[in-house]
C-alpha cells in the first residue's frame, strides 16, 4: 500500500509507503511516472517509510531505476525518514547518494527546505 502526491507550490513529490509487493510494482511505476510528468526542474522529494516494511529484493530491483528517472526530470534533493537502520541501508543500495535519510519528518523537511 502506497500513496504518491505532488505539491505544485513546493514543487515536491511525497511518497508514503507501507508496503509494495511485486503485484503492485507496475502500478507504482505508472503512478510515479505520472507525477514525474507534473514536476518542474529543481523539484524535491520526500518518502515516508516510518510505517513501511522492507522491500523484497525483486521489488527493490524493479524500483531502483526510478531514481535515475527522477534525476532526469530535475530532482535536486530527496529525503526519506524511517526509524529502521535496515531500511536506511536498503534505500542507500537502491538509490545511492540521491537520497538522504532522517529519523524524523521535521528533520527531512528542514533538509529539503534549505
C-alpha atoms as a PDB file:
ATOM      1  CA  UNK A   1       0.000   0.000   0.000  1.00  0.00           C
ATOM      2  CA  UNK A   2       1.395   3.358  -1.030  1.00  0.00           C
ATOM      3  CA  UNK A   3       0.418   6.912  -1.874  1.00  0.00           C
ATOM      4  CA  UNK A   4       2.191   9.317  -4.237  1.00  0.00           C
ATOM      5  CA  UNK A   5       1.311  13.013  -4.362  1.00  0.00           C
ATOM      6  CA  UNK A   6       2.721  16.207  -5.827  1.00  0.00           C
ATOM      7  CA  UNK A   7       2.612  19.629  -4.181  1.00  0.00           C
ATOM      8  CA  UNK A   8       2.973  22.120  -7.032  1.00  0.00           C
ATOM      9  CA  UNK A   9       3.508  25.096  -4.689  1.00  0.00           C
ATOM     10  CA  UNK A  10       6.518  23.396  -3.062  1.00  0.00           C
ATOM     11  CA  UNK A  11       7.473  21.520  -6.254  1.00  0.00           C
ATOM     12  CA  UNK A  12       7.711  18.442  -4.044  1.00  0.00           C
ATOM     13  CA  UNK A  13       6.799  14.809  -4.554  1.00  0.00           C
ATOM     14  CA  UNK A  14       5.692  12.983  -1.412  1.00  0.00           C
ATOM     15  CA  UNK A  15       5.564   9.202  -1.224  1.00  0.00           C
ATOM     16  CA  UNK A  16       4.120   7.272   1.708  1.00  0.00           C
ATOM     17  CA  UNK A  17       4.926   3.580   1.710  1.00  0.00           C
ATOM     18  CA  UNK A  18       3.548   0.887   3.943  1.00  0.00           C
ATOM     19  CA  UNK A  19       4.484  -1.885   1.535  1.00  0.00           C
ATOM     20  CA  UNK A  20       4.978  -2.542  -2.146  1.00  0.00           C
ATOM     21  CA  UNK A  21       4.657  -6.077  -3.463  1.00  0.00           C
ATOM     22  CA  UNK A  22       5.687  -7.327  -6.902  1.00  0.00           C
ATOM     23  CA  UNK A  23       1.984  -7.258  -7.811  1.00  0.00           C
ATOM     24  CA  UNK A  24       1.974  -3.509  -7.065  1.00  0.00           C
ATOM     25  CA  UNK A  25       5.270  -2.551  -8.745  1.00  0.00           C
ATOM     26  CA  UNK A  26       3.800  -1.762 -12.175  1.00  0.00           C
ATOM     27  CA  UNK A  27       1.008   0.332 -10.641  1.00  0.00           C
ATOM     28  CA  UNK A  28       3.570   2.185  -8.521  1.00  0.00           C
ATOM     29  CA  UNK A  29       5.811   2.839 -11.526  1.00  0.00           C
ATOM     30  CA  UNK A  30       2.858   4.113 -13.574  1.00  0.00           C
ATOM     31  CA  UNK A  31       1.680   6.453 -10.806  1.00  0.00           C
ATOM     32  CA  UNK A  32       5.227   7.652 -10.185  1.00  0.00           C
ATOM     33  CA  UNK A  33       5.739   8.351 -13.898  1.00  0.00           C
ATOM     34  CA  UNK A  34       2.519  10.400 -13.994  1.00  0.00           C
ATOM     35  CA  UNK A  35       3.792  12.529 -11.115  1.00  0.00           C
ATOM     36  CA  UNK A  36       7.159  12.933 -12.867  1.00  0.00           C
ATOM     37  CA  UNK A  37       5.278  14.438 -15.813  1.00  0.00           C
ATOM     38  CA  UNK A  38       3.974  17.179 -13.472  1.00  0.00           C
ATOM     39  CA  UNK A  39       7.183  18.218 -11.700  1.00  0.00           C
ATOM     40  CA  UNK A  40       9.267  21.219 -12.634  1.00  0.00           C
ATOM     41  CA  UNK A  41      13.078  21.024 -12.755  1.00  0.00           C
ATOM     42  CA  UNK A  42      14.521  21.635  -9.306  1.00  0.00           C
ATOM     43  CA  UNK A  43      11.883  19.545  -7.536  1.00  0.00           C
ATOM     44  CA  UNK A  44      12.442  17.807  -4.217  1.00  0.00           C
ATOM     45  CA  UNK A  45      11.084  14.531  -2.904  1.00  0.00           C
ATOM     46  CA  UNK A  46      10.104  13.115   0.456  1.00  0.00           C
ATOM     47  CA  UNK A  47       9.413   9.472   1.277  1.00  0.00           C
ATOM     48  CA  UNK A  48       7.712   8.382   4.485  1.00  0.00           C
ATOM     49  CA  UNK A  49       8.889   4.886   5.350  1.00  0.00           C
ATOM     50  CA  UNK A  50       8.008   5.229   9.036  1.00  0.00           C
ATOM     51  CA  UNK A  51       5.300   2.566   8.760  1.00  0.00           C
ATOM     52  CA  UNK A  52       6.865   0.717   5.851  1.00  0.00           C
ATOM     53  CA  UNK A  53       8.082  -2.815   5.520  1.00  0.00           C
ATOM     54  CA  UNK A  54      11.358  -3.641   3.817  1.00  0.00           C
ATOM     55  CA  UNK A  55      11.086  -4.277   0.101  1.00  0.00           C
ATOM     56  CA  UNK A  56      11.805  -7.757  -1.140  1.00  0.00           C
ATOM     57  CA  UNK A  57      14.901  -7.983  -3.344  1.00  0.00           C
ATOM     58  CA  UNK A  58      12.838  -8.252  -6.547  1.00  0.00           C
ATOM     59  CA  UNK A  59      10.770  -5.180  -5.624  1.00  0.00           C
ATOM     60  CA  UNK A  60      13.923  -3.206  -4.761  1.00  0.00           C
ATOM     61  CA  UNK A  61      15.481  -4.096  -8.128  1.00  0.00           C
ATOM     62  CA  UNK A  62      12.294  -3.176 -10.001  1.00  0.00           C
ATOM     63  CA  UNK A  63      12.034   0.236  -8.302  1.00  0.00           C
ATOM     64  CA  UNK A  64      15.705   1.237  -8.421  1.00  0.00           C
ATOM     65  CA  UNK A  65      15.544   2.773 -11.961  1.00  0.00           C
ATOM     66  CA  UNK A  66      13.059   5.371 -10.666  1.00  0.00           C
ATOM     67  CA  UNK A  67      15.971   7.197  -9.051  1.00  0.00           C
ATOM     68  CA  UNK A  68      17.512   7.850 -12.469  1.00  0.00           C
ATOM     69  CA  UNK A  69      14.127   8.920 -13.853  1.00  0.00           C
ATOM     70  CA  UNK A  70      13.865  11.442 -11.017  1.00  0.00           C
ATOM     71  CA  UNK A  71      17.314  12.848 -11.787  1.00  0.00           C
ATOM     72  CA  UNK A  72      16.417  13.163 -15.478  1.00  0.00           C
ATOM     73  CA  UNK A  73      13.287  15.137 -14.511  1.00  0.00           C
ATOM     74  CA  UNK A  74      15.332  17.642 -12.471  1.00  0.00           C
ATOM     75  CA  UNK A  75      15.491  16.257  -8.921  1.00  0.00           C
ATOM     76  CA  UNK A  76      17.630  18.393  -6.603  1.00  0.00           C
ATOM     77  CA  UNK A  77      17.130  16.685  -3.216  1.00  0.00           C
ATOM     78  CA  UNK A  78      15.267  13.633  -1.936  1.00  0.00           C
ATOM     79  CA  UNK A  79      14.869  12.803   1.732  1.00  0.00           C
ATOM     80  CA  UNK A  80      13.214   9.917   3.476  1.00  0.00           C
ATOM     81  CA  UNK A  81      12.567   9.160   7.069  1.00  0.00           C
ATOM     82  CA  UNK A  82      12.383   5.888   8.879  1.00  0.00           C
ATOM     83  CA  UNK A  83      13.356   4.526  12.233  1.00  0.00           C
ATOM     84  CA  UNK A  84      14.797   1.370  10.680  1.00  0.00           C
ATOM     85  CA  UNK A  85      18.541   1.090  10.144  1.00  0.00           C
ATOM     86  CA  UNK A  86      17.943  -1.794   7.724  1.00  0.00           C
ATOM     87  CA  UNK A  87      15.536   0.332   5.689  1.00  0.00           C
ATOM     88  CA  UNK A  88      18.163   3.090   5.524  1.00  0.00           C
ATOM     89  CA  UNK A  89      20.686   0.617   4.130  1.00  0.00           C
ATOM     90  CA  UNK A  90      18.182  -0.643   1.569  1.00  0.00           C
ATOM     91  CA  UNK A  91      17.419   2.886   0.311  1.00  0.00           C
ATOM     92  CA  UNK A  92      21.155   3.625   0.083  1.00  0.00           C
ATOM     93  CA  UNK A  93      21.672   0.477  -2.019  1.00  0.00           C
ATOM     94  CA  UNK A  94      18.708   1.281  -4.262  1.00  0.00           C
ATOM     95  CA  UNK A  95      19.317   4.985  -4.831  1.00  0.00           C
ATOM     96  CA  UNK A  96      22.890   5.709  -3.734  1.00  0.00           C
ATOM     97  CA  UNK A  97      23.732   9.325  -2.983  1.00  0.00           C
ATOM     98  CA  UNK A  98      20.466  10.611  -4.482  1.00  0.00           C
ATOM     99  CA  UNK A  99      18.678  10.196  -1.148  1.00  0.00           C
ATOM    100  CA  UNK A 100      19.459  11.299   2.412  1.00  0.00           C
ATOM    101  CA  UNK A 101      17.931   9.541   5.400  1.00  0.00           C
ATOM    102  CA  UNK A 102      16.467  11.056   8.542  1.00  0.00           C
ATOM    103  CA  UNK A 103      14.817   9.643  11.626  1.00  0.00           C
ATOM    104  CA  UNK A 104      12.127  12.320  11.881  1.00  0.00           C
ATOM    105  CA  UNK A 105       9.815  14.072   9.443  1.00  0.00           C
ATOM    106  CA  UNK A 106      10.738  17.571  10.615  1.00  0.00           C
ATOM    107  CA  UNK A 107      14.442  16.879  10.021  1.00  0.00           C
ATOM    108  CA  UNK A 108      13.737  15.629   6.489  1.00  0.00           C
ATOM    109  CA  UNK A 109      11.560  18.641   5.692  1.00  0.00           C
ATOM    110  CA  UNK A 110      14.159  21.070   7.082  1.00  0.00           C
ATOM    111  CA  UNK A 111      16.781  19.497   4.804  1.00  0.00           C
ATOM    112  CA  UNK A 112      14.516  19.844   1.756  1.00  0.00           C
ATOM    113  CA  UNK A 113      13.512  23.418   2.566  1.00  0.00           C
ATOM    114  CA  UNK A 114      17.104  24.695   2.772  1.00  0.00           C
END
